[in-house]
Amino acid sequence: MSKSIIRSETDCLNCGNEVTARYCSHCGQENREPYESFWSLLIHFVEDMTHFDGALFKTCKTLFTQPGELTQAYLLGKRSRYLHPIRFYLFTSAFFFLTLFYVFQPLQFRLNKDLKAIEVASFQVKLDKRGAYLNSSEIQSYKKNQLAKPESERDSPLFQNIIFHFYELQKKYPESKQFYKALYEGVTHKMSQVLFLTIPLLALILQVVFIRRKHFYFMHHGIFVLHMATSWFIVLLLRNVLDLVQLALSWEFIDVVKSFIMLAWCYFYYKSFKNFYQLKGIRSIGLFTASFFLQLILVFVVFVSLVLFSFFSL
């Protein structure tokens, strides 16, 4: 804990009651001197975010070494020793995206100056150097072709809007590389909010899968999904570190390591699923496969929707 200077006075500066120990028994505020240096403020910030007494590391250790047990412990009321699931998720996701935008991405562009692809957080966009833009004659030909067809045989309104909007974006982004980079940045900057809003939907899938288990409530599934999503951010963070190491040292075997980590996370998710829902044998595999498949479909739909929204927002 930080070495705060304790006041000699015994009146609480927050509520005015008498303080007989380090903390006020009425409101819980520490009876320290109100003046703080910048370093002291920074220390308190780190303590507040991580429970500097080791709760963050204890939570991470339990999450990965005892799959499913962290969620069980929270639901059983063992909460003081671990970070709250929402706080744990928000801290981890915020740290991931901050390092992504301000550490990993700049370093990756610097290490790979002759950039042929944007590769961050397992997301890749190939940059087409051939300039695959539509010219005016091609767009006019497309319009005429669509009008000539019967309405039932025309492309969907969504697809047509994509084509026309893409053509209009050529004026804003003269090079295809600029367009793909802008789209990538638009998607990644919105991803954190979208993923957080997706968590209740992922929990809803588990609610449907286990609808016959009346002792599992929506909140139970939500806590489990929060812990799994947090573990995914930690894995992606590790993967990004390996990406930078690979760029810096050109070690090809790191590709194998990254693939192993992703497979290991899938197995970890299965073990957590099996342990938390107390499943055995073939039943655990069947329910996990069904849940995982439905969740993948949901994430894919959400991701495509995010890409389309970012595209039309350019």
Protein backbone atom coordinates (compact mmCIF):
# COMPACT_ATOMS: atom_id res chain seq x y z
CA MET A 1 0.00 0.00 0.00
CA SER A 2 1.06 3.62 -0.48
CA LYS A 3 2.86 5.45 2.36
CA SER A 4 0.23 8.16 2.99
CA ILE A 5 0.87 10.73 5.72
CA ILE A 6 -1.77 10.23 8.42
CA ARG A 7 -3.27 13.35 9.99
CA SER A 8 -2.75 13.93 13.71
CA GLU A 9 -6.31 15.28 13.96
CA THR A 10 -9.04 12.71 14.59
CA ASP A 11 -11.94 14.38 12.79
CA CYS A 12 -12.83 12.84 9.43
CA LEU A 13 -12.48 15.38 6.62
CA ASN A 14 -15.28 13.66 4.70
CA CYS A 15 -18.08 13.11 7.24
CA GLY A 16 -16.81 14.92 10.37
CA ASN A 17 -17.02 11.90 12.68
CA GLU A 18 -14.20 10.90 14.99
CA VAL A 19 -11.54 8.62 13.48
CA THR A 20 -9.98 6.10 15.85
CA ALA A 21 -7.88 4.20 13.31
CA ARG A 22 -6.38 4.71 9.85
CA TYR A 23 -9.82 4.62 8.21
CA CYS A 24 -13.06 6.25 9.30
CA SER A 25 -15.51 3.68 10.69
CA HIS A 26 -18.47 5.69 9.34
CA CYS A 27 -17.56 6.46 5.71
CA GLY A 28 -14.36 4.44 5.15
CA GLN A 29 -12.18 7.38 4.04
CA GLU A 30 -8.49 7.20 4.93
CA ASN A 31 -7.51 9.91 7.45
CA ARG A 32 -4.55 11.18 5.44
CA GLU A 33 -3.29 14.69 4.74
CA PRO A 34 -5.32 16.34 1.94
CA TYR A 35 -2.20 17.52 0.08
CA GLU A 36 -0.82 14.94 -2.37
CA SER A 37 2.12 15.08 -4.72
CA PHE A 38 1.76 13.97 -8.34
CA TRP A 39 3.58 10.73 -7.52
CA SER A 40 1.17 10.05 -4.64
CA LEU A 41 -1.80 10.63 -6.95
CA LEU A 42 -0.32 8.20 -9.46
CA ILE A 43 0.25 5.55 -6.77
CA HIS A 44 -3.35 5.86 -5.57
CA PHE A 45 -4.60 5.57 -9.15
CA VAL A 46 -2.70 2.30 -9.64
CA GLU A 47 -3.95 1.01 -6.28
CA ASP A 48 -7.56 1.86 -7.13
CA MET A 49 -7.34 0.21 -10.55
CA THR A 50 -5.55 -2.96 -9.52
CA HIS A 51 -6.10 -3.33 -5.77
CA PHE A 52 -2.32 -3.05 -5.45
CA ASP A 53 -2.41 -5.66 -2.70
CA GLY A 54 -2.40 -8.34 -5.40
CA ALA A 55 -6.07 -8.78 -6.29
CA LEU A 56 -5.41 -8.25 -10.01
CA PHE A 57 -2.69 -10.90 -10.16
CA LYS A 58 -4.64 -13.26 -7.92
CA THR A 59 -7.67 -12.87 -10.17
CA CYS A 60 -5.64 -13.56 -13.32
CA LYS A 61 -3.97 -16.57 -11.73
CA THR A 62 -7.30 -18.10 -10.66
CA LEU A 63 -8.87 -17.32 -14.03
CA PHE A 64 -6.28 -19.32 -16.00
CA THR A 65 -5.10 -21.98 -13.56
CA GLN A 66 -8.56 -23.00 -12.33
CA PRO A 67 -10.89 -22.71 -15.35
CA GLY A 68 -14.44 -21.83 -14.29
CA GLU A 69 -13.58 -21.49 -10.60
CA LEU A 70 -13.32 -17.68 -10.65
CA THR A 71 -16.95 -17.35 -11.74
CA GLN A 72 -18.03 -19.94 -9.17
CA ALA A 73 -16.15 -18.10 -6.42
CA TYR A 74 -17.86 -14.81 -7.27
CA LEU A 75 -21.32 -16.38 -7.28
CA LEU A 76 -20.60 -18.10 -3.94
CA GLY A 77 -19.83 -14.71 -2.39
CA LYS A 78 -16.00 -14.96 -2.29
CA ARG A 79 -15.53 -11.48 -3.72
CA SER A 80 -13.12 -9.46 -1.59
CA ARG A 81 -10.06 -11.37 -2.77
CA TYR A 82 -10.83 -10.92 -6.49
CA LEU A 83 -11.59 -8.00 -8.79
CA HIS A 84 -15.25 -7.45 -9.62
CA PRO A 85 -16.00 -9.07 -13.04
CA ILE A 86 -17.10 -5.80 -14.69
CA ARG A 87 -14.16 -3.89 -13.24
CA PHE A 88 -11.80 -6.69 -14.32
CA TYR A 89 -13.23 -6.65 -17.85
CA LEU A 90 -13.19 -2.85 -18.20
CA PHE A 91 -9.63 -2.56 -16.89
CA THR A 92 -8.35 -5.35 -19.16
CA SER A 93 -10.17 -4.16 -22.31
CA ALA A 94 -9.18 -0.52 -21.71
CA PHE A 95 -5.54 -1.54 -21.23
CA PHE A 96 -5.68 -3.70 -24.37
CA PHE A 97 -7.10 -0.98 -26.64
CA LEU A 98 -4.82 1.74 -25.19
CA THR A 99 -1.75 -0.37 -25.88
CA LEU A 100 -3.16 -1.34 -29.28
CA PHE A 101 -3.61 2.25 -30.47
CA TYR A 102 -0.64 3.90 -28.75
CA VAL A 103 1.97 1.14 -28.46
CA PHE A 104 1.50 -1.89 -30.70
CA GLN A 105 0.16 -0.17 -33.80
CA PRO A 106 2.80 2.63 -33.92
CA LEU A 107 5.60 0.15 -33.21
CA GLN A 108 4.33 -2.20 -35.87
CA PHE A 109 4.24 0.52 -38.52
CA ARG A 110 7.77 1.57 -37.50
CA LEU A 111 9.16 -1.96 -37.57
CA ASN A 112 7.50 -2.79 -40.87
CA LYS A 113 8.12 0.33 -42.94
CA ASP A 114 7.44 -1.42 -46.26
CA LEU A 115 3.93 -2.24 -45.09
CA LYS A 116 1.94 -4.66 -47.20
CA ALA A 117 -0.69 -5.42 -44.62
CA ILE A 118 -2.10 -4.08 -41.39
CA GLU A 119 -1.84 -6.88 -38.85
CA VAL A 120 -2.93 -6.01 -35.33
CA ALA A 121 -5.03 -8.00 -32.86
CA SER A 122 -5.49 -10.92 -35.28
CA PHE A 123 -7.16 -8.60 -37.81
CA GLN A 124 -5.61 -8.33 -41.26
CA VAL A 125 -6.41 -6.08 -44.20
CA LYS A 126 -4.49 -6.59 -47.41
CA LEU A 127 -3.55 -3.34 -49.10
CA ASP A 128 -4.13 -3.50 -52.81
CA LYS A 129 -1.40 -1.61 -54.67
CA ARG A 130 -3.12 -2.04 -58.03
CA GLY A 131 -5.65 0.69 -57.22
CA ALA A 132 -8.80 -1.42 -57.41
CA TYR A 133 -11.12 1.59 -57.58
CA LEU A 134 -14.14 1.95 -59.82
CA ASN A 135 -13.98 4.51 -62.61
CA SER A 136 -16.99 6.53 -63.79
CA SER A 137 -17.63 4.37 -66.85
CA GLU A 138 -17.72 1.21 -64.72
CA ILE A 139 -20.20 2.68 -62.26
CA GLN A 140 -22.45 3.92 -65.06
CA SER A 141 -22.30 0.50 -66.71
CA TYR A 142 -23.26 -1.11 -63.40
CA LYS A 143 -26.27 1.20 -63.01
CA LYS A 144 -27.50 0.48 -66.54
CA ASN A 145 -26.99 -3.24 -66.04
CA GLN A 146 -29.07 -3.19 -62.84
CA LEU A 147 -31.89 -1.18 -64.45
CA ALA A 148 -32.01 -3.54 -67.40
CA LYS A 149 -32.59 -6.56 -65.17
CA PRO A 150 -35.98 -7.55 -63.75
CA GLU A 151 -36.36 -6.29 -60.19
CA SER A 152 -36.21 -9.81 -58.80
CA GLU A 153 -32.78 -10.39 -60.41
CA ARG A 154 -31.13 -7.14 -59.34
CA ASP A 155 -28.52 -6.93 -56.60
CA SER A 156 -29.87 -6.20 -53.12
CA PRO A 157 -30.32 -2.52 -52.16
CA LEU A 158 -27.60 -2.94 -49.53
CA PHE A 159 -25.08 -4.23 -52.07
CA GLN A 160 -25.93 -1.43 -54.51
CA ASN A 161 -25.50 1.16 -51.77
CA ILE A 162 -22.09 -0.33 -50.93
CA ILE A 163 -20.99 -0.03 -54.57
CA PHE A 164 -22.21 3.56 -54.92
CA HIS A 165 -20.77 4.66 -51.57
CA PHE A 166 -17.45 3.04 -52.39
CA TYR A 167 -17.38 4.99 -55.62
CA GLU A 168 -18.07 8.26 -53.76
CA LEU A 169 -15.31 7.51 -51.22
CA GLN A 170 -12.74 7.47 -54.02
CA LYS A 171 -12.85 11.28 -54.01
CA LYS A 172 -12.05 11.37 -50.29
CA TYR A 173 -9.42 8.61 -50.42
CA PRO A 174 -7.53 8.81 -53.76
CA GLU A 175 -5.47 5.70 -52.95
CA SER A 176 -6.92 2.37 -51.92
CA LYS A 177 -4.32 2.16 -49.12
CA GLN A 178 -5.81 5.30 -47.52
CA PHE A 179 -9.32 3.87 -47.72
CA TYR A 180 -8.46 0.53 -46.12
CA LYS A 181 -6.47 2.23 -43.37
CA ALA A 182 -9.37 4.61 -42.57
CA LEU A 183 -11.84 1.70 -42.51
CA TYR A 184 -9.55 -0.33 -40.23
CA GLU A 185 -9.17 2.55 -37.79
CA GLY A 186 -12.93 3.17 -37.80
CA VAL A 187 -13.64 -0.47 -36.96
CA THR A 188 -11.02 -0.81 -34.21
CA HIS A 189 -11.97 2.46 -32.48
CA LYS A 190 -15.62 1.37 -32.22
CA MET A 191 -14.86 -2.24 -31.36
CA SER A 192 -14.47 -1.81 -27.60
CA GLN A 193 -17.95 -0.33 -27.17
CA VAL A 194 -19.55 -2.84 -29.53
CA LEU A 195 -17.95 -5.82 -27.79
CA PHE A 196 -19.17 -4.62 -24.39
CA LEU A 197 -22.72 -4.30 -25.75
CA THR A 198 -22.42 -7.80 -27.26
CA ILE A 199 -21.75 -9.47 -23.88
CA PRO A 200 -25.44 -9.57 -22.82
CA LEU A 201 -26.30 -11.20 -26.17
CA LEU A 202 -23.62 -13.86 -25.66
CA ALA A 203 -25.02 -14.49 -22.18
CA LEU A 204 -28.51 -14.76 -23.67
CA ILE A 205 -27.31 -17.60 -25.91
CA LEU A 206 -26.13 -19.49 -22.82
CA GLN A 207 -29.46 -18.73 -21.14
CA VAL A 208 -31.26 -20.39 -24.06
CA VAL A 209 -28.88 -23.37 -24.16
CA PHE A 210 -29.36 -24.00 -20.42
CA ILE A 211 -33.00 -22.95 -20.24
CA ARG A 212 -33.96 -26.17 -18.44
CA ARG A 213 -31.48 -25.48 -15.64
CA LYS A 214 -33.62 -23.23 -13.46
CA HIS A 215 -30.85 -22.56 -10.91
CA PHE A 216 -28.81 -20.71 -13.57
CA TYR A 217 -29.98 -17.13 -13.97
CA PHE A 218 -29.07 -14.62 -16.66
CA MET A 219 -26.64 -12.95 -14.26
CA HIS A 220 -24.75 -16.23 -13.85
CA HIS A 221 -24.22 -16.51 -17.60
CA GLY A 222 -23.26 -12.82 -17.78
CA ILE A 223 -20.50 -13.19 -15.18
CA PHE A 224 -19.16 -16.26 -16.98
CA VAL A 225 -19.10 -14.44 -20.35
CA LEU A 226 -17.37 -11.43 -18.75
CA HIS A 227 -14.59 -13.67 -17.44
CA MET A 228 -14.19 -15.43 -20.79
CA ALA A 229 -14.12 -12.12 -22.68
CA THR A 230 -11.48 -10.81 -20.26
CA SER A 231 -9.34 -13.90 -20.82
CA TRP A 232 -9.65 -13.32 -24.58
CA PHE A 233 -8.30 -9.77 -24.26
CA ILE A 234 -5.35 -11.06 -22.23
CA VAL A 235 -4.60 -13.66 -24.92
CA LEU A 236 -4.82 -11.02 -27.67
CA LEU A 237 -2.47 -8.80 -25.69
CA LEU A 238 0.05 -11.63 -25.52
CA ARG A 239 -0.41 -12.30 -29.24
CA ASN A 240 0.31 -8.65 -30.07
CA VAL A 241 3.52 -8.83 -28.04
CA LEU A 242 4.54 -11.89 -30.05
CA ASP A 243 3.70 -10.05 -33.30
CA LEU A 244 6.15 -7.29 -32.37
CA VAL A 245 8.83 -9.80 -31.37
CA GLN A 246 8.38 -11.57 -34.71
CA LEU A 247 8.66 -8.30 -36.65
CA ALA A 248 11.75 -7.25 -34.71
CA LEU A 249 13.62 -10.58 -34.77
CA SER A 250 12.08 -12.36 -37.80
CA TRP A 251 11.58 -15.60 -35.87
CA GLU A 252 9.27 -17.73 -38.01
CA PHE A 253 8.58 -20.26 -35.24
CA ILE A 254 6.54 -17.58 -33.42
CA ASP A 255 3.70 -18.30 -35.87
CA VAL A 256 3.52 -21.78 -34.35
CA VAL A 257 3.54 -20.31 -30.84
CA LYS A 258 0.69 -17.93 -31.72
CA SER A 259 -1.37 -20.76 -33.20
CA PHE A 260 -0.77 -22.88 -30.10
CA ILE A 261 -1.90 -20.01 -27.84
CA MET A 262 -5.16 -19.62 -29.76
CA LEU A 263 -5.84 -23.37 -29.59
CA ALA A 264 -4.93 -23.38 -25.90
CA TRP A 265 -7.48 -20.61 -25.28
CA CYS A 266 -10.21 -22.64 -27.02
CA TYR A 267 -9.39 -25.59 -24.76
CA PHE A 268 -9.35 -23.27 -21.75
CA TYR A 269 -12.81 -21.98 -22.74
CA TYR A 270 -14.08 -25.56 -22.98
CA LYS A 271 -12.66 -26.48 -19.55
CA SER A 272 -14.15 -23.34 -18.00
CA PHE A 273 -17.51 -24.12 -19.62
CA LYS A 274 -17.42 -27.73 -18.44
CA ASN A 275 -16.39 -26.88 -14.87
CA PHE A 276 -18.72 -23.93 -14.35
CA TYR A 277 -21.81 -25.69 -15.68
CA GLN A 278 -20.76 -28.97 -14.04
CA LEU A 279 -20.98 -31.08 -17.19
CA LYS A 280 -19.48 -34.46 -17.97
CA GLY A 281 -18.54 -36.56 -20.97
CA ILE A 282 -20.14 -36.24 -24.39
CA ARG A 283 -22.83 -33.91 -23.03
CA SER A 284 -20.22 -31.28 -22.17
CA ILE A 285 -18.74 -31.46 -25.68
CA GLY A 286 -22.15 -31.25 -27.35
CA LEU A 287 -23.40 -28.28 -25.33
CA PHE A 288 -20.08 -26.47 -25.64
CA THR A 289 -19.99 -26.98 -29.41
CA ALA A 290 -23.56 -25.71 -29.81
CA SER A 291 -22.95 -22.68 -27.57
CA PHE A 292 -19.61 -21.84 -29.13
CA PHE A 293 -20.99 -22.13 -32.67
CA LEU A 294 -23.96 -19.86 -31.88
CA GLN A 295 -21.67 -17.34 -30.20
CA LEU A 296 -19.33 -17.35 -33.20
CA ILE A 297 -22.28 -16.64 -35.50
CA LEU A 298 -23.35 -13.75 -33.26
CA VAL A 299 -19.83 -12.29 -33.13
CA PHE A 300 -19.55 -12.61 -36.93
CA VAL A 301 -22.86 -10.81 -37.48
CA VAL A 302 -21.88 -8.07 -35.03
CA PHE A 303 -18.46 -7.68 -36.68
CA VAL A 304 -19.94 -7.46 -40.20
CA SER A 305 -22.47 -4.92 -38.95
CA LEU A 306 -19.64 -2.92 -37.37
CA VAL A 307 -17.66 -2.96 -40.63
CA LEU A 308 -20.71 -1.82 -42.62
CA PHE A 309 -21.50 0.92 -40.10
CA SER A 310 -17.88 2.13 -40.17
CA PHE A 311 -17.88 1.96 -43.98
CA PHE A 312 -20.99 4.13 -44.35
CA SER A 313 -19.64 6.51 -41.66
CA LEU A 314 -16.54 7.34 -43.73
